[in-house]
PDB file of N, CA and C in Angstrom:
ATOM      1  N   UNK A   1     -10.877 -30.893 -17.169  1.00  0.00           N
ATOM      2  CA  UNK A   1     -10.648 -29.491 -16.861  1.00  0.00           C
ATOM      3  C   UNK A   1      -9.187 -29.114 -17.120  1.00  0.00           C
ATOM      4  N   UNK A   2      -8.291 -30.036 -16.815  1.00  0.00           N
ATOM      5  CA  UNK A   2      -6.868 -29.782 -17.020  1.00  0.00           C
ATOM      6  C   UNK A   2      -6.543 -29.572 -18.498  1.00  0.00           C
ATOM      7  N   UNK A   3      -7.168 -30.355 -19.347  1.00  0.00           N
ATOM      8  CA  UNK A   3      -6.882 -30.227 -20.781  1.00  0.00           C
ATOM      9  C   UNK A   3      -7.382 -28.883 -21.319  1.00  0.00           C
ATOM     10  N   UNK A   4      -8.513 -28.419 -20.798  1.00  0.00           N
ATOM     11  CA  UNK A   4      -9.037 -27.117 -21.222  1.00  0.00           C
ATOM     12  C   UNK A   4      -8.079 -26.007 -20.825  1.00  0.00           C
ATOM     13  N   UNK A   5      -7.567 -26.095 -19.602  1.00  0.00           N
ATOM     14  CA  UNK A   5      -6.616 -25.090 -19.118  1.00  0.00           C
ATOM     15  C   UNK A   5      -5.319 -25.116 -19.915  1.00  0.00           C
ATOM     16  N   UNK A   6      -4.822 -26.311 -20.202  1.00  0.00           N
ATOM     17  CA  UNK A   6      -3.597 -26.427 -20.993  1.00  0.00           C
ATOM     18  C   UNK A   6      -3.784 -25.874 -22.398  1.00  0.00           C
ATOM     19  N   UNK A   7      -4.943 -26.152 -23.014  1.00  0.00           N
ATOM     20  CA  UNK A   7      -5.225 -25.625 -24.347  1.00  0.00           C
ATOM     21  C   UNK A   7      -5.312 -24.098 -24.337  1.00  0.00           C
ATOM     22  N   UNK A   8      -5.940 -23.559 -23.267  1.00  0.00           N
ATOM     23  CA  UNK A   8      -6.079 -22.103 -23.174  1.00  0.00           C
ATOM     24  C   UNK A   8      -4.714 -21.450 -23.007  1.00  0.00           C
ATOM     25  N   UNK A   9      -3.820 -22.100 -22.273  1.00  0.00           N
ATOM     26  CA  UNK A   9      -2.486 -21.532 -22.067  1.00  0.00           C
ATOM     27  C   UNK A   9      -1.628 -21.604 -23.325  1.00  0.00           C
ATOM     28  N   UNK A  10      -1.734 -22.722 -24.069  1.00  0.00           N
ATOM     29  CA  UNK A  10      -0.884 -22.859 -25.254  1.00  0.00           C
ATOM     30  C   UNK A  10      -1.423 -22.076 -26.445  1.00  0.00           C
ATOM     31  N   UNK A  11      -2.742 -22.048 -26.628  1.00  0.00           N
ATOM     32  CA  UNK A  11      -3.328 -21.395 -27.785  1.00  0.00           C
ATOM     33  C   UNK A  11      -4.039 -20.089 -27.431  1.00  0.00           C
ATOM     34  N   UNK A  12      -4.156 -19.787 -26.143  1.00  0.00           N
ATOM     35  CA  UNK A  12      -4.924 -18.621 -25.715  1.00  0.00           C
ATOM     36  C   UNK A  12      -4.171 -17.320 -25.922  1.00  0.00           C
ATOM     37  N   UNK A  13      -4.873 -16.293 -25.651  1.00  0.00           N
ATOM     38  CA  UNK A  13      -4.291 -14.966 -25.840  1.00  0.00           C
ATOM     39  C   UNK A  13      -3.354 -14.621 -24.685  1.00  0.00           C
ATOM     40  N   UNK A  14      -2.643 -13.545 -24.850  1.00  0.00           N
ATOM     41  CA  UNK A  14      -1.709 -13.120 -23.807  1.00  0.00           C
ATOM     42  C   UNK A  14      -2.446 -12.609 -22.583  1.00  0.00           C
ATOM     43  N   UNK A  15      -3.707 -12.190 -22.734  1.00  0.00           N
ATOM     44  CA  UNK A  15      -4.485 -11.705 -21.588  1.00  0.00           C
ATOM     45  C   UNK A  15      -4.733 -12.831 -20.596  1.00  0.00           C
ATOM     46  N   UNK A  16      -5.037 -14.039 -21.101  1.00  0.00           N
ATOM     47  CA  UNK A  16      -5.258 -15.186 -20.209  1.00  0.00           C
ATOM     48  C   UNK A  16      -3.970 -15.527 -19.477  1.00  0.00           C
ATOM     49  N   UNK A  17      -2.865 -15.517 -20.189  1.00  0.00           N
ATOM     50  CA  UNK A  17      -1.580 -15.807 -19.547  1.00  0.00           C
ATOM     51  C   UNK A  17      -1.235 -14.771 -18.493  1.00  0.00           C
ATOM     52  N   UNK A  18      -1.588 -13.540 -18.750  1.00  0.00           N
ATOM     53  CA  UNK A  18      -1.291 -12.465 -17.815  1.00  0.00           C
ATOM     54  C   UNK A  18      -2.077 -12.650 -16.516  1.00  0.00           C
ATOM     55  N   UNK A  19      -3.341 -13.077 -16.617  1.00  0.00           N
ATOM     56  CA  UNK A  19      -4.151 -13.291 -15.425  1.00  0.00           C
ATOM     57  C   UNK A  19      -3.698 -14.501 -14.628  1.00  0.00           C
ATOM     58  N   UNK A  20      -3.217 -15.523 -15.311  1.00  0.00           N
ATOM     59  CA  UNK A  20      -2.838 -16.750 -14.638  1.00  0.00           C
ATOM     60  C   UNK A  20      -1.368 -16.774 -14.215  1.00  0.00           C
ATOM     61  N   UNK A  21      -0.609 -15.775 -14.563  1.00  0.00           N
ATOM     62  CA  UNK A  21       0.814 -15.756 -14.259  1.00  0.00           C
ATOM     63  C   UNK A  21       1.044 -15.546 -12.765  1.00  0.00           C
ATOM     64  N   UNK A  22       2.124 -16.112 -12.269  1.00  0.00           N
ATOM     65  CA  UNK A  22       2.513 -15.942 -10.872  1.00  0.00           C
ATOM     66  C   UNK A  22       3.222 -14.596 -10.750  1.00  0.00           C
ATOM     67  N   UNK A  23       2.809 -13.817  -9.785  1.00  0.00           N
ATOM     68  CA  UNK A  23       3.404 -12.493  -9.589  1.00  0.00           C
ATOM     69  C   UNK A  23       4.733 -12.605  -8.867  1.00  0.00           C
ATOM     70  N   UNK A  24       5.654 -11.783  -9.242  1.00  0.00           N
ATOM     71  CA  UNK A  24       6.968 -11.762  -8.621  1.00  0.00           C
ATOM     72  C   UNK A  24       6.885 -11.111  -7.238  1.00  0.00           C
ATOM     73  N   UNK A  25       7.545 -11.689  -6.245  1.00  0.00           N
ATOM     74  CA  UNK A  25       7.506 -11.067  -4.915  1.00  0.00           C
ATOM     75  C   UNK A  25       8.296  -9.759  -4.847  1.00  0.00           C
ATOM     76  N   UNK A  26       9.061  -9.452  -5.885  1.00  0.00           N
ATOM     77  CA  UNK A  26       9.864  -8.230  -5.887  1.00  0.00           C
ATOM     78  C   UNK A  26       8.998  -6.986  -6.073  1.00  0.00           C
ATOM     79  N   UNK A  27       7.847  -7.112  -6.714  1.00  0.00           N
ATOM     80  CA  UNK A  27       7.000  -5.950  -6.954  1.00  0.00           C
ATOM     81  C   UNK A  27       5.808  -5.981  -5.999  1.00  0.00           C
ATOM     82  N   UNK A  28       6.051  -5.554  -4.768  1.00  0.00           N
ATOM     83  CA  UNK A  28       4.992  -5.523  -3.774  1.00  0.00           C
ATOM     84  C   UNK A  28       4.335  -4.155  -3.779  1.00  0.00           C
ATOM     85  N   UNK A  29       3.032  -4.150  -3.517  1.00  0.00           N
ATOM     86  CA  UNK A  29       2.323  -2.884  -3.448  1.00  0.00           C
ATOM     87  C   UNK A  29       2.581  -2.239  -2.095  1.00  0.00           C
ATOM     88  N   UNK A  30       2.677  -0.933  -2.113  1.00  0.00           N
ATOM     89  CA  UNK A  30       2.940  -0.203  -0.882  1.00  0.00           C
ATOM     90  C   UNK A  30       1.612   0.255  -0.296  1.00  0.00           C
ATOM     91  N   UNK A  31       1.437   0.019   0.984  1.00  0.00           N
ATOM     92  CA  UNK A  31       0.206   0.439   1.644  1.00  0.00           C
ATOM     93  C   UNK A  31       0.241   1.936   1.912  1.00  0.00           C
ATOM     94  N   UNK A  32      -0.909   2.502   2.154  1.00  0.00           N
ATOM     95  CA  UNK A  32      -0.998   3.920   2.453  1.00  0.00           C
ATOM     96  C   UNK A  32      -0.687   4.192   3.917  1.00  0.00           C
ATOM     97  N   UNK A  33      -1.211   5.294   4.396  1.00  0.00           N
ATOM     98  CA  UNK A  33      -0.976   5.691   5.771  1.00  0.00           C
ATOM     99  C   UNK A  33      -1.803   4.853   6.726  1.00  0.00           C
ATOM    100  N   UNK A  34      -1.246   4.620   7.915  1.00  0.00           N
ATOM    101  CA  UNK A  34      -2.039   4.110   9.020  1.00  0.00           C
ATOM    102  C   UNK A  34      -2.738   5.312   9.625  1.00  0.00           C
ATOM    103  N   UNK A  35      -3.984   5.185  10.007  1.00  0.00           N
ATOM    104  CA  UNK A  35      -4.729   6.287  10.595  1.00  0.00           C
ATOM    105  C   UNK A  35      -4.851   6.008  12.084  1.00  0.00           C
ATOM    106  N   UNK A  36      -4.247   6.873  12.901  1.00  0.00           N
ATOM    107  CA  UNK A  36      -4.218   6.664  14.345  1.00  0.00           C
ATOM    108  C   UNK A  36      -4.600   7.944  15.069  1.00  0.00           C
ATOM    109  N   UNK A  37      -5.198   7.775  16.225  1.00  0.00           N
ATOM    110  CA  UNK A  37      -5.582   8.947  17.011  1.00  0.00           C
ATOM    111  C   UNK A  37      -4.394   9.511  17.786  1.00  0.00           C
ATOM    112  N   UNK A  38      -3.427   8.668  18.097  1.00  0.00           N
ATOM    113  CA  UNK A  38      -2.245   9.113  18.835  1.00  0.00           C
ATOM    114  C   UNK A  38      -0.999   8.702  18.051  1.00  0.00           C
ATOM    115  N   UNK A  39      -0.242   9.679  17.599  1.00  0.00           N
ATOM    116  CA  UNK A  39       0.947   9.401  16.783  1.00  0.00           C
ATOM    117  C   UNK A  39       2.193   9.369  17.657  1.00  0.00           C
ATOM    118  N   UNK A  40       3.157   8.545  17.254  1.00  0.00           N
ATOM    119  CA  UNK A  40       4.449   8.525  17.936  1.00  0.00           C
ATOM    120  C   UNK A  40       5.537   8.213  16.919  1.00  0.00           C
ATOM    121  N   UNK A  41       6.743   8.637  17.232  1.00  0.00           N
ATOM    122  CA  UNK A  41       7.899   8.344  16.386  1.00  0.00           C
ATOM    123  C   UNK A  41       8.383   6.946  16.737  1.00  0.00           C
ATOM    124  N   UNK A  42       8.493   6.078  15.738  1.00  0.00           N
ATOM    125  CA  UNK A  42       8.805   4.674  16.001  1.00  0.00           C
ATOM    126  C   UNK A  42      10.283   4.331  15.863  1.00  0.00           C
ATOM    127  N   UNK A  43      11.055   5.179  15.178  1.00  0.00           N
ATOM    128  CA  UNK A  43      12.495   4.936  15.061  1.00  0.00           C
ATOM    129  C   UNK A  43      13.216   6.279  14.974  1.00  0.00           C
ATOM    130  N   UNK A  44      14.523   6.238  14.846  1.00  0.00           N
ATOM    131  CA  UNK A  44      15.298   7.495  14.844  1.00  0.00           C
ATOM    132  C   UNK A  44      15.134   8.274  13.537  1.00  0.00           C
ATOM    133  N   UNK A  45      14.645   7.634  12.502  1.00  0.00           N
ATOM    134  CA  UNK A  45      14.465   8.304  11.208  1.00  0.00           C
ATOM    135  C   UNK A  45      13.060   8.876  11.022  1.00  0.00           C
ATOM    136  N   UNK A  46      12.144   8.605  11.929  1.00  0.00           N
ATOM    137  CA  UNK A  46      10.777   9.125  11.820  1.00  0.00           C
ATOM    138  C   UNK A  46      10.748  10.596  12.192  1.00  0.00           C
ATOM    139  N   UNK A  47       9.867  11.344  11.547  1.00  0.00           N
ATOM    140  CA  UNK A  47       9.696  12.755  11.879  1.00  0.00           C
ATOM    141  C   UNK A  47       8.249  13.166  11.623  1.00  0.00           C
ATOM    142  N   UNK A  48       7.816  14.217  12.339  1.00  0.00           N
ATOM    143  CA  UNK A  48       6.471  14.749  12.178  1.00  0.00           C
ATOM    144  C   UNK A  48       6.457  15.794  11.075  1.00  0.00           C
ATOM    145  N   UNK A  49       5.335  15.873  10.367  1.00  0.00           N
ATOM    146  CA  UNK A  49       5.135  16.893   9.349  1.00  0.00           C
ATOM    147  C   UNK A  49       3.645  17.233   9.342  1.00  0.00           C
ATOM    148  N   UNK A  50       3.320  18.493   9.131  1.00  0.00           N
ATOM    149  CA  UNK A  50       1.912  18.898   9.095  1.00  0.00           C
ATOM    150  C   UNK A  50       1.501  19.113   7.638  1.00  0.00           C
ATOM    151  N   UNK A  51       0.460  18.409   7.205  1.00  0.00           N
ATOM    152  CA  UNK A  51      -0.036  18.484   5.839  1.00  0.00           C
ATOM    153  C   UNK A  51      -1.541  18.763   5.905  1.00  0.00           C
ATOM    154  N   UNK A  52      -1.956  19.865   5.292  1.00  0.00           N
ATOM    155  CA  UNK A  52      -3.367  20.260   5.272  1.00  0.00           C
ATOM    156  C   UNK A  52      -3.983  20.298   6.664  1.00  0.00           C
ATOM    157  N   UNK A  53      -3.238  20.784   7.629  1.00  0.00           N
ATOM    158  CA  UNK A  53      -3.736  20.903   8.994  1.00  0.00           C
ATOM    159  C   UNK A  53      -3.772  19.601   9.756  1.00  0.00           C
ATOM    160  N   UNK A  54      -3.261  18.545   9.189  1.00  0.00           N
ATOM    161  CA  UNK A  54      -3.251  17.233   9.834  1.00  0.00           C
ATOM    162  C   UNK A  54      -1.821  16.810  10.107  1.00  0.00           C
ATOM    163  N   UNK A  55      -1.571  16.171  11.217  1.00  0.00           N
ATOM    164  CA  UNK A  55      -0.230  15.738  11.575  1.00  0.00           C
ATOM    165  C   UNK A  55       0.068  14.387  10.917  1.00  0.00           C
ATOM    166  N   UNK A  56       1.244  14.273  10.294  1.00  0.00           N
ATOM    167  CA  UNK A  56       1.677  13.034   9.640  1.00  0.00           C
ATOM    168  C   UNK A  56       3.009  12.608  10.242  1.00  0.00           C
ATOM    169  N   UNK A  57       3.275  11.307  10.220  1.00  0.00           N
ATOM    170  CA  UNK A  57       4.590  10.764  10.560  1.00  0.00           C
ATOM    171  C   UNK A  57       5.163  10.195   9.274  1.00  0.00           C
ATOM    172  N   UNK A  58       6.345  10.617   8.914  1.00  0.00           N
ATOM    173  CA  UNK A  58       7.042  10.119   7.721  1.00  0.00           C
ATOM    174  C   UNK A  58       8.322   9.417   8.170  1.00  0.00           C
ATOM    175  N   UNK A  59       8.783   8.457   7.394  1.00  0.00           N
ATOM    176  CA  UNK A  59      10.023   7.749   7.704  1.00  0.00           C
ATOM    177  C   UNK A  59      10.686   7.335   6.392  1.00  0.00           C
ATOM    178  N   UNK A  60      11.943   7.707   6.221  1.00  0.00           N
ATOM    179  CA  UNK A  60      12.675   7.357   5.000  1.00  0.00           C
ATOM    180  C   UNK A  60      13.209   5.934   5.062  1.00  0.00           C
ATOM    181  N   UNK A  61      13.546   5.469   6.266  1.00  0.00           N
ATOM    182  CA  UNK A  61      14.166   4.162   6.409  1.00  0.00           C
ATOM    183  C   UNK A  61      13.151   3.020   6.323  1.00  0.00           C
ATOM    184  N   UNK A  62      11.993   3.206   6.955  1.00  0.00           N
ATOM    185  CA  UNK A  62      10.982   2.160   6.978  1.00  0.00           C
ATOM    186  C   UNK A  62       9.624   2.759   6.609  1.00  0.00           C
ATOM    187  N   UNK A  63       9.157   2.575   5.378  1.00  0.00           N
ATOM    188  CA  UNK A  63       7.896   3.175   4.940  1.00  0.00           C
ATOM    189  C   UNK A  63       6.679   2.675   5.710  1.00  0.00           C
ATOM    190  N   UNK A  64       6.805   1.569   6.435  1.00  0.00           N
ATOM    191  CA  UNK A  64       5.684   1.065   7.225  1.00  0.00           C
ATOM    192  C   UNK A  64       5.362   1.963   8.411  1.00  0.00           C
ATOM    193  N   UNK A  65       6.245   2.861   8.751  1.00  0.00           N
ATOM    194  CA  UNK A  65       6.023   3.760   9.876  1.00  0.00           C
ATOM    195  C   UNK A  65       5.150   4.956   9.516  1.00  0.00           C
ATOM    196  N   UNK A  66       4.771   5.080   8.236  1.00  0.00           N
ATOM    197  CA  UNK A  66       3.942   6.216   7.828  1.00  0.00           C
ATOM    198  C   UNK A  66       2.591   6.160   8.525  1.00  0.00           C
ATOM    199  N   UNK A  67       2.165   7.281   9.101  1.00  0.00           N
ATOM    200  CA  UNK A  67       0.877   7.344   9.779  1.00  0.00           C
ATOM    201  C   UNK A  67       0.361   8.768   9.704  1.00  0.00           C
ATOM    202  N   UNK A  68      -0.948   8.918   9.909  1.00  0.00           N
ATOM    203  CA  UNK A  68      -1.540  10.249   9.950  1.00  0.00           C
ATOM    204  C   UNK A  68      -2.616  10.290  11.013  1.00  0.00           C
ATOM    205  N   UNK A  69      -2.943  11.511  11.421  1.00  0.00           N
ATOM    206  CA  UNK A  69      -3.973  11.715  12.419  1.00  0.00           C
ATOM    207  C   UNK A  69      -5.343  11.388  11.845  1.00  0.00           C
ATOM    208  N   UNK A  70      -6.268  11.071  12.747  1.00  0.00           N
ATOM    209  CA  UNK A  70      -7.654  10.878  12.348  1.00  0.00           C
ATOM    210  C   UNK A  70      -8.194  12.217  11.869  1.00  0.00           C
ATOM    211  N   UNK A  71      -8.972  12.193  10.810  1.00  0.00           N
ATOM    212  CA  UNK A  71      -9.538  13.419  10.264  1.00  0.00           C
ATOM    213  C   UNK A  71     -10.668  13.881  11.167  1.00  0.00           C
ATOM    214  N   UNK A  72     -10.504  15.039  11.800  1.00  0.00           N
ATOM    215  CA  UNK A  72     -11.499  15.570  12.722  1.00  0.00           C
ATOM    216  C   UNK A  72     -12.491  16.423  11.941  1.00  0.00           C
ATOM    217  N   UNK A  73     -13.701  15.914  11.791  1.00  0.00           N
ATOM    218  CA  UNK A  73     -14.711  16.606  10.988  1.00  0.00           C
ATOM    219  C   UNK A  73     -15.212  17.852  11.696  1.00  0.00           C
ATOM    220  N   UNK A  74     -15.062  17.941  13.008  1.00  0.00           N
ATOM    221  CA  UNK A  74     -15.512  19.119  13.755  1.00  0.00           C
ATOM    222  C   UNK A  74     -14.719  20.373  13.377  1.00  0.00           C
ATOM    223  N   UNK A  75     -13.485  20.186  12.911  1.00  0.00           N
ATOM    224  CA  UNK A  75     -12.668  21.326  12.533  1.00  0.00           C
ATOM    225  C   UNK A  75     -13.128  21.967  11.218  1.00  0.00           C
ATOM    226  N   UNK A  76     -13.967  21.284  10.471  1.00  0.00           N
ATOM    227  CA  UNK A  76     -14.477  21.837   9.210  1.00  0.00           C
ATOM    228  C   UNK A  76     -15.487  22.940   9.460  1.00  0.00           C
ATOM    229  N   UNK A  77     -16.225  22.898  10.557  1.00  0.00           N
ATOM    230  CA  UNK A  77     -17.298  23.860  10.830  1.00  0.00           C
ATOM    231  C   UNK A  77     -16.796  25.068  11.490  1.00  0.00           C
TER     232      UNK A  77
END
């Protein structure tokens, strides 16, 4: 099995190398909003903002503090 993998890496296409390559820890994906029923400001840089009738918490210093209210379907009717 090792010889097959080595042959694929040396003679294979760039697509195979791209799939098998180790990803750099510098390019991390950013998660979306946390959805919570009760929002709070977690640091001094957090602030509330209302978007499409929903309350959001934004933070410039720490993006992990981003959160939004639960979507209340009763308000649609």
